[in-house]
Each structure stands twice: as structure tokens, then as C-alpha cells.
Amino acid sequence: MEDTVEHEQARRDFLKLGTTGIAVAGLAAAGATLTPEKAAAQAVGNSILRTVLDRGKLIVGTGSTNAPWHFENDKGELVGMDITMARILAKGLFDDETKVEFVRQDPAQRIPNITTGKVDIVIQFMTVTPARAQLVAFTRPYYVEGIALLTRPDAANKSFDQLLAGGSRTKVSILQNVDAERSVHSVLPQA
């Protein structure tokens, strides 16, 4: 599909809604397109989908310590965007958002739990990488993260080129995230 000026403007307007807008729109679209009847019609006899439907519940691997994605509320219940996504999927599969069982897992267990069949699906914050994509099938992302560079208004070096020219004198602070660290280290010189 060719991008038009109107298409680009619509995309920009949509993105102005922010992460919440994107998430809500994605959740609404997911809930509007999947029904129990459609799910059953698409499930072949020996598929994971057929197994889930025959079992009557979805088993979801997720975490419990990474707000706003998955965390425990004051009552000790799992909440967050990943949990909401799982409930929407259960609603689409069974017309009942409670037909989901959560398996709390460490991030290192995401791929092993899928490949061994301990869980049907993992809904837990995870960066798509080529190495991971060789082990598991990823769906389309429901959240896309980016990296932005922020400087103080009174900083001597404000542009990317100025920071890059600063070499080892340039100090960068990032959130703890191996993918963000890799991205920063791939463009900035090491001290």
C-alpha cells in the first residue's frame, strides 16, 4: 500500500494518542475480530489452538514484577497490560475472560516454557530478536518501544552529532535494558 499524505497524517494523529491510545486501539481490535466460533473454525485437529479449545482454558506464561506490563495489585492479583491482553484472548476464545490460567515465570523461562509446552502462549514483555525468532513464533507486537535521546536545555552538546563528536567525554544514562544498552553502545564510542 502506498503511503499518501492523508495516510501519513492519520498515522501521526493516531500516534499522538500515545502508548495508551495504541494499546487501547489494539485491544479493541483484538476483541472485535476474534470470536469463539472463528477460533474453533480455524483450529485443526492437532494444533495448539485445538488443544486449548478442547481443554477449555488458556495457559499463559507471564511475569509479576514489571509494571505496567505485569504486577501484583494490593490484593496479590496479577494485573497490567499483559494480563489484560491474556484476558482479551480468553474472551475471544471462550467468550469468558476468566478462562485463563497464569503461570508466573522468570523472563529466562519465556522461551523454554513455550517450547516444552508448559504454557500455551507467553504474554510477557519481550524484545523480538533474530535469535529468539528462530526458537518461537512471535505475533505482531501490541507495543513498540523506541529509543530517544534527551539532553538538558542548557547542555553544550544537544544534537546527536555533537554528542557523538564528544567521544568518551559524552556520558549517556539509560534505563536498565540489554537491548537499549546494545543500541547505545553500537553508536557511541566506548570510554
N, C-alpha and C. Protein backbone atom coordinates (compact mmCIF):
# COMPACT_ATOMS: atom_id res chain seq x y z
N MET A 1 0.84 -1.17 0.00
CA MET A 1 0.00 0.00 0.00
C MET A 1 0.88 1.23 0.00
N GLU A 2 0.61 2.17 -0.90
CA GLU A 2 1.38 3.39 -0.96
C GLU A 2 0.93 4.34 0.13
N ASP A 3 1.93 5.00 0.76
CA ASP A 3 1.61 5.99 1.76
C ASP A 3 1.20 7.28 1.08
N THR A 4 0.10 7.83 1.50
CA THR A 4 -0.34 9.11 0.99
C THR A 4 -0.18 10.15 2.08
N VAL A 5 -0.32 11.41 1.70
CA VAL A 5 -0.22 12.47 2.69
C VAL A 5 -1.30 12.29 3.75
N GLU A 6 -2.51 11.92 3.31
CA GLU A 6 -3.61 11.72 4.27
C GLU A 6 -3.32 10.55 5.19
N HIS A 7 -2.76 9.48 4.61
CA HIS A 7 -2.43 8.29 5.41
C HIS A 7 -1.38 8.65 6.46
N GLU A 8 -0.36 9.37 6.06
CA GLU A 8 0.70 9.75 7.00
C GLU A 8 0.15 10.66 8.10
N GLN A 9 -0.73 11.59 7.73
CA GLN A 9 -1.31 12.48 8.73
C GLN A 9 -2.18 11.69 9.71
N ALA A 10 -2.95 10.75 9.19
CA ALA A 10 -3.77 9.92 10.05
C ALA A 10 -2.90 9.09 11.00
N ARG A 11 -1.80 8.56 10.48
CA ARG A 11 -0.88 7.78 11.31
C ARG A 11 -0.31 8.66 12.42
N ARG A 12 0.12 9.87 12.07
CA ARG A 12 0.68 10.77 13.08
C ARG A 12 -0.36 11.14 14.13
N ASP A 13 -1.58 11.42 13.68
CA ASP A 13 -2.64 11.75 14.62
C ASP A 13 -2.91 10.59 15.57
N PHE A 14 -2.91 9.38 15.02
CA PHE A 14 -3.14 8.20 15.85
C PHE A 14 -2.01 8.04 16.87
N LEU A 15 -0.77 8.23 16.43
CA LEU A 15 0.36 8.07 17.33
C LEU A 15 0.38 9.14 18.41
N LYS A 16 -0.23 10.27 18.17
CA LYS A 16 -0.31 11.32 19.18
C LYS A 16 -1.12 10.87 20.39
N LEU A 17 -1.94 9.84 20.18
CA LEU A 17 -2.72 9.33 21.30
C LEU A 17 -1.81 8.78 22.40
N GLY A 18 -0.59 8.43 22.02
CA GLY A 18 0.36 7.89 22.99
C GLY A 18 0.22 6.40 23.15
N THR A 19 1.02 5.86 24.02
CA THR A 19 1.05 4.42 24.25
C THR A 19 -0.31 3.89 24.67
N THR A 20 -1.00 4.63 25.52
CA THR A 20 -2.30 4.16 25.97
C THR A 20 -3.28 4.06 24.81
N GLY A 21 -3.25 5.07 23.94
CA GLY A 21 -4.13 5.05 22.78
C GLY A 21 -3.86 3.87 21.89
N ILE A 22 -2.59 3.60 21.66
CA ILE A 22 -2.22 2.47 20.81
C ILE A 22 -2.67 1.16 21.46
N ALA A 23 -2.41 1.04 22.75
CA ALA A 23 -2.78 -0.19 23.44
C ALA A 23 -4.29 -0.39 23.43
N VAL A 24 -5.04 0.66 23.72
CA VAL A 24 -6.49 0.55 23.75
C VAL A 24 -7.02 0.20 22.37
N ALA A 25 -6.49 0.86 21.33
CA ALA A 25 -6.94 0.56 19.97
C ALA A 25 -6.62 -0.89 19.61
N GLY A 26 -5.43 -1.36 19.99
CA GLY A 26 -5.06 -2.75 19.71
C GLY A 26 -5.94 -3.73 20.45
N LEU A 27 -6.27 -3.42 21.69
CA LEU A 27 -7.12 -4.30 22.47
C LEU A 27 -8.53 -4.32 21.89
N ALA A 28 -9.02 -3.17 21.48
CA ALA A 28 -10.36 -3.11 20.90
C ALA A 28 -10.40 -3.91 19.60
N ALA A 29 -9.37 -3.79 18.78
CA ALA A 29 -9.32 -4.53 17.52
C ALA A 29 -9.25 -6.03 17.78
N ALA A 30 -8.44 -6.42 18.76
CA ALA A 30 -8.31 -7.85 19.07
C ALA A 30 -9.64 -8.41 19.55
N GLY A 31 -10.31 -7.68 20.42
CA GLY A 31 -11.58 -8.16 20.95
C GLY A 31 -12.68 -8.17 19.91
N ALA A 32 -12.59 -7.27 18.94
CA ALA A 32 -13.65 -7.16 17.94
C ALA A 32 -13.53 -8.20 16.83
N THR A 33 -12.34 -8.76 16.62
CA THR A 33 -12.16 -9.65 15.48
C THR A 33 -12.17 -11.13 15.84
N LEU A 34 -11.93 -11.50 17.07
CA LEU A 34 -11.86 -12.90 17.44
C LEU A 34 -13.12 -13.30 18.19
N THR A 35 -13.74 -14.36 17.75
CA THR A 35 -14.91 -14.90 18.44
C THR A 35 -14.65 -16.38 18.68
N PRO A 36 -15.35 -16.98 19.64
CA PRO A 36 -15.18 -18.42 19.86
C PRO A 36 -15.46 -19.24 18.61
N GLU A 37 -16.45 -18.82 17.84
CA GLU A 37 -16.79 -19.56 16.62
C GLU A 37 -15.65 -19.50 15.60
N LYS A 38 -15.08 -18.30 15.42
CA LYS A 38 -13.96 -18.15 14.48
C LYS A 38 -12.75 -18.96 14.94
N ALA A 39 -12.49 -18.93 16.24
CA ALA A 39 -11.35 -19.67 16.77
C ALA A 39 -11.54 -21.17 16.52
N ALA A 40 -12.70 -21.69 16.82
CA ALA A 40 -12.96 -23.13 16.64
C ALA A 40 -12.88 -23.52 15.17
N ALA A 41 -13.36 -22.67 14.29
CA ALA A 41 -13.34 -22.97 12.86
C ALA A 41 -11.92 -23.02 12.30
N GLN A 42 -11.01 -22.29 12.93
CA GLN A 42 -9.63 -22.24 12.44
C GLN A 42 -8.74 -23.30 13.07
N ALA A 43 -9.20 -24.00 14.06
CA ALA A 43 -8.37 -24.93 14.80
C ALA A 43 -8.33 -26.29 14.11
N VAL A 44 -7.16 -26.67 13.62
CA VAL A 44 -7.01 -28.00 13.04
C VAL A 44 -6.87 -29.02 14.16
N GLY A 45 -7.07 -30.27 13.84
CA GLY A 45 -7.13 -31.32 14.84
C GLY A 45 -5.94 -31.45 15.78
N ASN A 46 -4.74 -31.26 15.30
CA ASN A 46 -3.56 -31.48 16.17
C ASN A 46 -2.86 -30.17 16.51
N SER A 47 -3.57 -29.07 16.48
CA SER A 47 -2.95 -27.77 16.74
C SER A 47 -3.00 -27.41 18.22
N ILE A 48 -2.17 -26.46 18.60
CA ILE A 48 -2.21 -25.94 19.97
C ILE A 48 -3.56 -25.28 20.21
N LEU A 49 -4.07 -24.59 19.20
CA LEU A 49 -5.38 -23.95 19.34
C LEU A 49 -6.46 -24.99 19.65
N ARG A 50 -6.45 -26.11 18.94
CA ARG A 50 -7.44 -27.17 19.20
C ARG A 50 -7.27 -27.71 20.62
N THR A 51 -6.04 -27.89 21.07
CA THR A 51 -5.77 -28.37 22.43
C THR A 51 -6.34 -27.40 23.46
N VAL A 52 -6.09 -26.10 23.25
CA VAL A 52 -6.59 -25.07 24.17
C VAL A 52 -8.11 -25.09 24.21
N LEU A 53 -8.73 -25.12 23.04
CA LEU A 53 -10.19 -25.10 22.99
C LEU A 53 -10.80 -26.34 23.64
N ASP A 54 -10.20 -27.51 23.39
CA ASP A 54 -10.70 -28.75 24.00
C ASP A 54 -10.51 -28.73 25.51
N ARG A 55 -9.42 -28.14 25.99
CA ARG A 55 -9.14 -28.06 27.42
C ARG A 55 -10.10 -27.10 28.10
N GLY A 56 -10.51 -26.06 27.41
CA GLY A 56 -11.45 -25.10 27.97
C GLY A 56 -10.83 -23.94 28.71
N LYS A 57 -9.53 -23.81 28.63
CA LYS A 57 -8.86 -22.66 29.23
C LYS A 57 -7.52 -22.45 28.53
N LEU A 58 -7.03 -21.22 28.61
CA LEU A 58 -5.76 -20.83 28.03
C LEU A 58 -4.72 -20.76 29.15
N ILE A 59 -3.56 -21.36 28.94
CA ILE A 59 -2.48 -21.30 29.93
C ILE A 59 -1.44 -20.30 29.42
N VAL A 60 -1.27 -19.22 30.18
CA VAL A 60 -0.44 -18.09 29.76
C VAL A 60 0.75 -17.93 30.70
N GLY A 61 1.94 -17.91 30.12
CA GLY A 61 3.14 -17.60 30.88
C GLY A 61 3.33 -16.10 30.93
N THR A 62 3.57 -15.57 32.13
CA THR A 62 3.77 -14.13 32.29
C THR A 62 4.58 -13.87 33.55
N GLY A 63 4.93 -12.64 33.74
CA GLY A 63 5.67 -12.24 34.93
C GLY A 63 4.75 -11.60 35.95
N SER A 64 5.36 -11.10 37.02
CA SER A 64 4.56 -10.44 38.06
C SER A 64 5.31 -9.26 38.68
N THR A 65 6.38 -8.83 38.04
CA THR A 65 7.23 -7.82 38.69
C THR A 65 7.61 -6.65 37.79
N ASN A 66 6.92 -6.46 36.68
CA ASN A 66 7.34 -5.43 35.73
C ASN A 66 6.16 -4.53 35.35
N ALA A 67 5.79 -3.64 36.27
CA ALA A 67 4.71 -2.70 35.99
C ALA A 67 5.15 -1.76 34.86
N PRO A 68 4.27 -1.39 33.99
CA PRO A 68 2.83 -1.60 33.94
C PRO A 68 2.43 -2.86 33.18
N TRP A 69 3.38 -3.68 32.80
CA TRP A 69 3.08 -4.86 31.99
C TRP A 69 2.43 -5.97 32.79
N HIS A 70 3.04 -6.35 33.90
CA HIS A 70 2.50 -7.40 34.76
C HIS A 70 3.03 -7.18 36.16
N PHE A 71 2.12 -7.12 37.11
CA PHE A 71 2.50 -6.90 38.51
C PHE A 71 1.33 -7.29 39.39
N GLU A 72 1.58 -7.35 40.68
CA GLU A 72 0.52 -7.70 41.63
C GLU A 72 -0.08 -6.44 42.23
N ASN A 73 -1.40 -6.42 42.32
CA ASN A 73 -2.06 -5.29 42.99
C ASN A 73 -2.03 -5.51 44.50
N ASP A 74 -2.70 -4.63 45.24
CA ASP A 74 -2.71 -4.72 46.71
C ASP A 74 -3.31 -6.02 47.23
N LYS A 75 -4.14 -6.67 46.42
CA LYS A 75 -4.77 -7.93 46.81
C LYS A 75 -3.95 -9.15 46.39
N GLY A 76 -2.78 -8.92 45.76
CA GLY A 76 -1.95 -10.02 45.30
C GLY A 76 -2.39 -10.60 43.97
N GLU A 77 -3.31 -9.92 43.28
CA GLU A 77 -3.81 -10.38 41.98
C GLU A 77 -2.92 -9.85 40.86
N LEU A 78 -2.74 -10.65 39.83
CA LEU A 78 -1.99 -10.20 38.68
C LEU A 78 -2.80 -9.17 37.90
N VAL A 79 -2.17 -8.07 37.56
CA VAL A 79 -2.79 -7.01 36.77
C VAL A 79 -1.74 -6.45 35.82
N GLY A 80 -2.18 -5.62 34.91
CA GLY A 80 -1.27 -4.97 33.98
C GLY A 80 -1.67 -5.27 32.54
N MET A 81 -0.95 -4.66 31.62
CA MET A 81 -1.29 -4.76 30.21
C MET A 81 -1.19 -6.19 29.69
N ASP A 82 -0.15 -6.92 30.08
CA ASP A 82 -0.02 -8.31 29.62
C ASP A 82 -1.18 -9.17 30.13
N ILE A 83 -1.59 -8.92 31.35
CA ILE A 83 -2.69 -9.68 31.95
C ILE A 83 -3.99 -9.35 31.22
N THR A 84 -4.18 -8.07 30.91
CA THR A 84 -5.37 -7.66 30.16
C THR A 84 -5.39 -8.30 28.78
N MET A 85 -4.24 -8.35 28.12
CA MET A 85 -4.16 -8.98 26.80
C MET A 85 -4.56 -10.46 26.89
N ALA A 86 -4.11 -11.15 27.93
CA ALA A 86 -4.45 -12.56 28.10
C ALA A 86 -5.95 -12.73 28.31
N ARG A 87 -6.54 -11.86 29.09
CA ARG A 87 -7.99 -11.95 29.34
C ARG A 87 -8.79 -11.66 28.07
N ILE A 88 -8.32 -10.73 27.25
CA ILE A 88 -8.99 -10.45 25.98
C ILE A 88 -8.91 -11.66 25.06
N LEU A 89 -7.76 -12.32 25.04
CA LEU A 89 -7.62 -13.52 24.22
C LEU A 89 -8.55 -14.62 24.72
N ALA A 90 -8.62 -14.81 26.03
CA ALA A 90 -9.54 -15.82 26.59
C ALA A 90 -10.99 -15.47 26.26
N LYS A 91 -11.33 -14.21 26.31
CA LYS A 91 -12.70 -13.77 25.96
C LYS A 91 -12.99 -14.12 24.51
N GLY A 92 -12.01 -13.89 23.62
CA GLY A 92 -12.21 -14.22 22.22
C GLY A 92 -12.31 -15.71 21.97
N LEU A 93 -11.55 -16.49 22.71
CA LEU A 93 -11.55 -17.94 22.51
C LEU A 93 -12.75 -18.63 23.14
N PHE A 94 -13.16 -18.16 24.32
CA PHE A 94 -14.18 -18.87 25.09
C PHE A 94 -15.40 -18.02 25.44
N ASP A 95 -15.40 -16.76 25.02
CA ASP A 95 -16.43 -15.81 25.40
C ASP A 95 -16.48 -15.67 26.92
N ASP A 96 -15.32 -15.83 27.56
CA ASP A 96 -15.22 -15.75 29.02
C ASP A 96 -13.78 -15.39 29.37
N GLU A 97 -13.58 -14.17 29.84
CA GLU A 97 -12.22 -13.72 30.14
C GLU A 97 -11.58 -14.42 31.34
N THR A 98 -12.36 -15.16 32.09
CA THR A 98 -11.79 -15.87 33.24
C THR A 98 -11.22 -17.24 32.87
N LYS A 99 -11.39 -17.67 31.64
CA LYS A 99 -10.91 -18.98 31.20
C LYS A 99 -9.42 -18.91 30.86
N VAL A 100 -8.64 -18.41 31.80
CA VAL A 100 -7.21 -18.27 31.62
C VAL A 100 -6.51 -18.65 32.93
N GLU A 101 -5.43 -19.38 32.80
CA GLU A 101 -4.60 -19.74 33.94
C GLU A 101 -3.23 -19.10 33.71
N PHE A 102 -2.72 -18.39 34.71
CA PHE A 102 -1.44 -17.72 34.58
C PHE A 102 -0.34 -18.54 35.25
N VAL A 103 0.75 -18.70 34.54
CA VAL A 103 1.94 -19.33 35.08
C VAL A 103 2.97 -18.21 35.25
N ARG A 104 3.30 -17.90 36.49
CA ARG A 104 4.28 -16.85 36.75
C ARG A 104 5.66 -17.40 36.43
N GLN A 105 6.39 -16.65 35.66
CA GLN A 105 7.69 -17.14 35.21
C GLN A 105 8.71 -16.02 35.18
N ASP A 106 9.94 -16.39 35.38
CA ASP A 106 11.07 -15.50 35.23
C ASP A 106 11.26 -15.23 33.74
N PRO A 107 11.77 -14.06 33.35
CA PRO A 107 11.98 -13.80 31.92
C PRO A 107 12.80 -14.88 31.21
N ALA A 108 13.74 -15.51 31.90
CA ALA A 108 14.56 -16.55 31.28
C ALA A 108 13.74 -17.79 30.93
N GLN A 109 12.56 -17.93 31.50
CA GLN A 109 11.72 -19.11 31.24
C GLN A 109 10.72 -18.91 30.11
N ARG A 110 10.66 -17.72 29.53
CA ARG A 110 9.66 -17.45 28.49
C ARG A 110 9.76 -18.45 27.34
N ILE A 111 10.94 -18.58 26.75
CA ILE A 111 11.09 -19.47 25.60
C ILE A 111 11.05 -20.94 26.02
N PRO A 112 11.76 -21.36 27.06
CA PRO A 112 11.67 -22.76 27.46
C PRO A 112 10.24 -23.21 27.81
N ASN A 113 9.46 -22.35 28.44
CA ASN A 113 8.09 -22.75 28.79
C ASN A 113 7.21 -22.92 27.56
N ILE A 114 7.46 -22.16 26.52
CA ILE A 114 6.72 -22.33 25.26
C ILE A 114 7.18 -23.61 24.56
N THR A 115 8.49 -23.78 24.43
CA THR A 115 8.99 -24.91 23.64
C THR A 115 8.74 -26.25 24.30
N THR A 116 8.59 -26.27 25.62
CA THR A 116 8.30 -27.53 26.31
C THR A 116 6.81 -27.77 26.50
N GLY A 117 5.98 -26.80 26.15
CA GLY A 117 4.54 -26.96 26.28
C GLY A 117 4.00 -26.69 27.68
N LYS A 118 4.81 -26.12 28.55
CA LYS A 118 4.32 -25.79 29.90
C LYS A 118 3.23 -24.72 29.83
N VAL A 119 3.34 -23.83 28.84
CA VAL A 119 2.33 -22.81 28.62
C VAL A 119 1.91 -22.84 27.16
N ASP A 120 0.72 -22.33 26.88
CA ASP A 120 0.23 -22.27 25.50
C ASP A 120 0.79 -21.05 24.79
N ILE A 121 0.95 -19.99 25.54
CA ILE A 121 1.39 -18.71 24.98
C ILE A 121 2.10 -17.93 26.07
N VAL A 122 3.03 -17.11 25.68
CA VAL A 122 3.69 -16.21 26.62
C VAL A 122 3.22 -14.80 26.28
N ILE A 123 2.69 -14.13 27.27
CA ILE A 123 2.33 -12.73 27.12
C ILE A 123 3.10 -12.00 28.21
N GLN A 124 4.31 -11.62 27.83
CA GLN A 124 5.25 -11.03 28.77
C GLN A 124 6.21 -10.17 27.95
N PHE A 125 6.44 -8.97 28.41
CA PHE A 125 7.30 -8.02 27.71
C PHE A 125 8.55 -8.72 27.19
N MET A 126 8.74 -8.68 25.86
CA MET A 126 9.88 -9.40 25.26
C MET A 126 10.24 -8.75 23.93
N THR A 127 11.51 -8.47 23.76
CA THR A 127 12.00 -7.88 22.52
C THR A 127 12.16 -8.99 21.47
N VAL A 128 11.70 -8.72 20.27
CA VAL A 128 11.86 -9.66 19.16
C VAL A 128 13.27 -9.52 18.63
N THR A 129 14.00 -10.62 18.63
CA THR A 129 15.36 -10.64 18.06
C THR A 129 15.43 -11.79 17.06
N PRO A 130 16.37 -11.72 16.12
CA PRO A 130 16.50 -12.83 15.17
C PRO A 130 16.76 -14.18 15.86
N ALA A 131 17.59 -14.18 16.90
CA ALA A 131 17.89 -15.44 17.59
C ALA A 131 16.63 -16.02 18.24
N ARG A 132 15.84 -15.17 18.87
CA ARG A 132 14.60 -15.65 19.51
C ARG A 132 13.60 -16.11 18.47
N ALA A 133 13.54 -15.42 17.34
CA ALA A 133 12.58 -15.76 16.29
C ALA A 133 12.88 -17.12 15.66
N GLN A 134 14.08 -17.62 15.84
CA GLN A 134 14.41 -18.97 15.36
C GLN A 134 13.88 -20.05 16.29
N LEU A 135 13.54 -19.65 17.52
CA LEU A 135 13.08 -20.62 18.52
C LEU A 135 11.57 -20.64 18.71
N VAL A 136 10.94 -19.48 18.58
CA VAL A 136 9.50 -19.36 18.80
C VAL A 136 8.88 -18.47 17.74
N ALA A 137 7.58 -18.59 17.58
CA ALA A 137 6.84 -17.74 16.64
C ALA A 137 6.30 -16.53 17.40
N PHE A 138 6.59 -15.35 16.90
CA PHE A 138 6.10 -14.12 17.51
C PHE A 138 4.84 -13.66 16.79
N THR A 139 3.92 -13.09 17.53
CA THR A 139 2.77 -12.43 16.93
C THR A 139 3.18 -11.01 16.58
N ARG A 140 2.28 -10.27 16.01
CA ARG A 140 2.54 -8.85 15.81
C ARG A 140 2.61 -8.20 17.18
N PRO A 141 3.52 -7.26 17.38
CA PRO A 141 3.62 -6.62 18.70
C PRO A 141 2.37 -5.81 19.04
N TYR A 142 2.02 -5.78 20.31
CA TYR A 142 0.94 -4.90 20.75
C TYR A 142 1.51 -3.66 21.40
N TYR A 143 2.82 -3.57 21.48
CA TYR A 143 3.50 -2.37 21.96
C TYR A 143 4.85 -2.32 21.28
N VAL A 144 5.22 -1.17 20.77
CA VAL A 144 6.51 -0.99 20.13
C VAL A 144 7.26 0.10 20.89
N GLU A 145 8.42 -0.25 21.35
CA GLU A 145 9.23 0.67 22.14
C GLU A 145 10.29 1.30 21.24
N GLY A 146 10.64 2.51 21.54
CA GLY A 146 11.69 3.19 20.80
C GLY A 146 12.73 3.75 21.74
N ILE A 147 13.81 4.18 21.18
CA ILE A 147 14.88 4.79 21.96
C ILE A 147 14.97 6.24 21.53
N ALA A 148 14.97 7.13 22.50
CA ALA A 148 15.07 8.56 22.22
C ALA A 148 16.24 9.13 23.01
N LEU A 149 16.81 10.17 22.49
CA LEU A 149 17.93 10.84 23.12
C LEU A 149 17.44 12.16 23.68
N LEU A 150 17.64 12.38 24.97
CA LEU A 150 17.21 13.60 25.63
C LEU A 150 18.44 14.30 26.17
N THR A 151 18.48 15.62 26.05
CA THR A 151 19.57 16.40 26.64
C THR A 151 18.95 17.51 27.47
N ARG A 152 19.74 18.04 28.37
CA ARG A 152 19.29 19.17 29.17
C ARG A 152 19.22 20.41 28.28
N PRO A 153 18.30 21.30 28.57
CA PRO A 153 18.19 22.52 27.75
C PRO A 153 19.47 23.36 27.76
N ASP A 154 20.22 23.30 28.86
CA ASP A 154 21.44 24.11 28.95
C ASP A 154 22.71 23.32 28.59
N ALA A 155 22.56 22.14 28.00
CA ALA A 155 23.73 21.32 27.64
C ALA A 155 24.51 21.97 26.50
N ALA A 156 25.83 21.82 26.57
CA ALA A 156 26.68 22.35 25.50
C ALA A 156 26.49 21.56 24.21
N ASN A 157 26.34 20.25 24.34
CA ASN A 157 26.12 19.38 23.18
C ASN A 157 24.68 18.89 23.20
N LYS A 158 23.91 19.30 22.20
CA LYS A 158 22.49 18.94 22.18
C LYS A 158 22.13 17.98 21.06
N SER A 159 22.80 18.06 19.94
CA SER A 159 22.44 17.21 18.81
C SER A 159 23.18 15.87 18.91
N PHE A 160 22.68 14.89 18.18
CA PHE A 160 23.33 13.59 18.15
C PHE A 160 24.77 13.71 17.65
N ASP A 161 24.96 14.50 16.60
CA ASP A 161 26.31 14.67 16.04
C ASP A 161 27.25 15.31 17.05
N GLN A 162 26.77 16.29 17.82
CA GLN A 162 27.60 16.92 18.84
C GLN A 162 27.97 15.91 19.94
N LEU A 163 27.01 15.10 20.35
CA LEU A 163 27.29 14.09 21.37
C LEU A 163 28.28 13.05 20.85
N LEU A 164 28.09 12.64 19.62
CA LEU A 164 28.99 11.66 19.01
C LEU A 164 30.40 12.23 18.90
N ALA A 165 30.51 13.50 18.52
CA ALA A 165 31.82 14.15 18.40
C ALA A 165 32.50 14.28 19.76
N GLY A 166 31.73 14.27 20.84
CA GLY A 166 32.31 14.36 22.18
C GLY A 166 33.09 13.13 22.59
N GLY A 167 32.93 12.04 21.84
CA GLY A 167 33.68 10.81 22.12
C GLY A 167 33.48 10.32 23.53
N SER A 168 34.56 9.93 24.18
CA SER A 168 34.48 9.35 25.52
C SER A 168 34.09 10.38 26.58
N ARG A 169 34.08 11.65 26.24
CA ARG A 169 33.64 12.69 27.19
C ARG A 169 32.11 12.72 27.27
N THR A 170 31.44 12.11 26.31
CA THR A 170 29.97 12.06 26.31
C THR A 170 29.51 11.00 27.31
N LYS A 171 28.68 11.38 28.22
CA LYS A 171 28.13 10.47 29.22
C LYS A 171 26.67 10.20 28.88
N VAL A 172 26.30 8.93 28.84
CA VAL A 172 24.95 8.53 28.48
C VAL A 172 24.36 7.72 29.63
N SER A 173 23.15 8.03 29.99
CA SER A 173 22.44 7.29 31.02
C SER A 173 21.22 6.65 30.37
N ILE A 174 21.02 5.36 30.61
CA ILE A 174 19.88 4.65 30.03
C ILE A 174 19.21 3.80 31.09
N LEU A 175 17.96 3.45 30.84
CA LEU A 175 17.27 2.51 31.70
C LEU A 175 17.93 1.15 31.54
N GLN A 176 17.87 0.33 32.58
CA GLN A 176 18.49 -0.99 32.51
C GLN A 176 17.68 -1.87 31.56
N ASN A 177 18.26 -2.13 30.40
CA ASN A 177 17.62 -2.93 29.38
C ASN A 177 18.72 -3.33 28.41
N VAL A 178 18.97 -4.61 28.29
CA VAL A 178 20.09 -5.08 27.48
C VAL A 178 19.97 -4.62 26.03
N ASP A 179 18.75 -4.56 25.51
CA ASP A 179 18.60 -4.13 24.12
C ASP A 179 18.89 -2.65 23.95
N ALA A 180 18.49 -1.83 24.94
CA ALA A 180 18.81 -0.40 24.89
C ALA A 180 20.31 -0.20 25.02
N GLU A 181 20.93 -0.93 25.94
CA GLU A 181 22.38 -0.81 26.11
C GLU A 181 23.11 -1.18 24.82
N ARG A 182 22.69 -2.24 24.18
CA ARG A 182 23.30 -2.67 22.93
C ARG A 182 23.15 -1.59 21.86
N SER A 183 21.98 -0.97 21.80
CA SER A 183 21.73 0.08 20.81
C SER A 183 22.61 1.29 21.05
N VAL A 184 22.74 1.69 22.30
CA VAL A 184 23.57 2.85 22.63
C VAL A 184 25.03 2.54 22.35
N HIS A 185 25.50 1.37 22.78
CA HIS A 185 26.91 1.02 22.59
C HIS A 185 27.27 0.81 21.14
N SER A 186 26.30 0.54 20.30
CA SER A 186 26.62 0.32 18.89
C SER A 186 26.89 1.62 18.15
N VAL A 187 26.46 2.77 18.70
CA VAL A 187 26.69 4.04 18.02
C VAL A 187 27.64 4.97 18.74
N LEU A 188 27.75 4.83 20.05
CA LEU A 188 28.63 5.73 20.80
C LEU A 188 29.97 5.05 21.08
N PRO A 189 31.07 5.81 21.02
CA PRO A 189 32.38 5.23 21.32
C PRO A 189 32.47 4.83 22.78
N GLN A 190 33.23 3.77 23.03
CA GLN A 190 33.40 3.28 24.39
C GLN A 190 34.46 4.09 25.12
N ALA A 191 34.29 4.30 26.43
CA ALA A 191 35.24 5.05 27.24
C ALA A 191 36.43 4.19 27.58
